[in-house]
Amino acid sequence: MGGPSTRLRLRVIPGSGKPGIVGRYGDGWKLRVTAPPERGKANEATLDMLADTLGLAATNLRLVSGHGSRDKTVEVAGLTTAEAERRLTQ
């Protein structure tokens, strides 16, 4: 069918001065984005940052929960959990 996929749990800090992946946060990852938390801008910035970091097209990522929250779950198509974790730690 579709190939490998995984879900990533995130804690996103919008409106940060310095964007980037901070590191592990419990069983997920903590990210900072400069976009404000309004009209989906922080969600879009989160998906763009993840796509760049993981080396995937943005169309391979989908926000599945947490649209209005700092805690989010993103589905990543095309990578196993182990490969996604490896790329996030680099």
Protein backbone atom coordinates (compact mmCIF):
# COMPACT_ATOMS: atom_id res chain seq x y z
CA MET A 1 0.00 0.00 0.00
CA GLY A 2 1.65 3.20 1.15
CA GLY A 3 5.10 2.41 2.51
CA PRO A 4 6.52 3.41 5.89
CA SER A 5 5.00 6.10 8.05
CA THR A 6 5.21 7.30 11.61
CA ARG A 7 3.61 9.79 13.97
CA LEU A 8 5.60 12.38 15.88
CA ARG A 9 4.46 14.03 19.08
CA LEU A 10 5.52 17.66 19.31
CA ARG A 11 5.51 20.55 21.77
CA VAL A 12 5.67 23.71 19.66
CA ILE A 13 6.67 27.11 21.03
CA PRO A 14 5.34 29.77 18.61
CA GLY A 15 6.65 33.33 18.35
CA SER A 16 10.19 32.37 19.33
CA GLY A 17 13.13 34.56 18.42
CA LYS A 18 15.25 31.61 17.35
CA PRO A 19 13.56 28.78 15.42
CA GLY A 20 14.74 25.19 15.55
CA ILE A 21 14.38 21.77 17.05
CA VAL A 22 15.22 22.04 20.73
CA GLY A 23 15.41 18.31 21.42
CA ARG A 24 13.49 15.60 23.19
CA TYR A 25 10.45 16.56 25.25
CA GLY A 26 9.11 13.54 27.12
CA ASP A 27 8.19 10.99 24.47
CA GLY A 28 8.13 13.64 21.75
CA TRP A 29 10.09 16.60 20.43
CA LYS A 30 10.18 20.28 21.32
CA LEU A 31 10.32 22.83 18.48
CA ARG A 32 10.49 26.60 18.29
CA VAL A 33 9.00 28.55 15.39
CA THR A 34 9.06 32.31 14.79
CA ALA A 35 5.53 32.38 13.38
CA PRO A 36 2.78 33.64 15.69
CA PRO A 37 0.03 31.30 16.91
CA GLU A 38 -2.68 32.84 14.75
CA ARG A 39 -4.56 31.71 11.65
CA GLY A 40 -2.51 28.50 11.37
CA LYS A 41 0.80 30.30 10.83
CA ALA A 42 2.63 28.40 13.58
CA ASN A 43 1.23 25.08 12.32
CA GLU A 44 2.43 25.84 8.79
CA ALA A 45 5.87 26.86 10.07
CA THR A 46 6.05 23.66 12.12
CA LEU A 47 5.30 21.46 9.12
CA ASP A 48 7.78 23.40 6.95
CA MET A 49 10.55 23.03 9.55
CA LEU A 50 9.89 19.31 9.96
CA ALA A 51 9.84 18.76 6.19
CA ASP A 52 13.19 20.54 5.82
CA THR A 53 14.75 18.70 8.76
CA LEU A 54 13.48 15.30 7.65
CA GLY A 55 14.38 15.89 4.00
CA LEU A 56 10.81 15.35 2.80
CA ALA A 57 8.29 17.29 0.75
CA ALA A 58 5.75 19.17 2.86
CA THR A 59 3.04 17.02 1.27
CA ASN A 60 4.46 14.03 3.20
CA LEU A 61 3.49 15.62 6.52
CA ARG A 62 0.01 16.05 7.96
CA LEU A 63 -1.06 17.63 11.23
CA VAL A 64 -3.47 15.10 12.75
CA SER A 65 -4.13 16.67 16.16
CA GLY A 66 -3.39 19.82 18.13
CA HIS A 67 -4.37 22.43 15.56
CA GLY A 68 -5.02 25.01 18.29
CA SER A 69 -2.62 23.65 20.91
CA ARG A 70 1.10 23.64 21.59
CA ASP A 71 0.96 19.84 21.79
CA LYS A 72 0.62 18.39 18.31
CA THR A 73 0.78 15.09 16.49
CA VAL A 74 2.16 15.00 12.95
CA GLU A 75 1.91 12.02 10.62
CA VAL A 76 5.01 11.55 8.47
CA ALA A 77 4.72 9.45 5.30
CA GLY A 78 7.84 7.89 3.81
CA LEU A 79 9.92 7.34 6.96
CA THR A 80 10.04 4.75 9.68
CA THR A 81 10.03 5.90 13.29
CA ALA A 82 13.71 5.00 13.65
CA GLU A 83 14.71 6.98 10.56
CA ALA A 84 12.67 10.03 11.61
CA GLU A 85 14.28 9.95 15.07
CA ARG A 86 17.75 9.69 13.52
CA ARG A 87 17.16 12.68 11.25
CA LEU A 88 15.73 14.79 14.09
CA THR A 89 18.79 14.21 16.26
CA GLN A 90 21.27 15.33 13.59
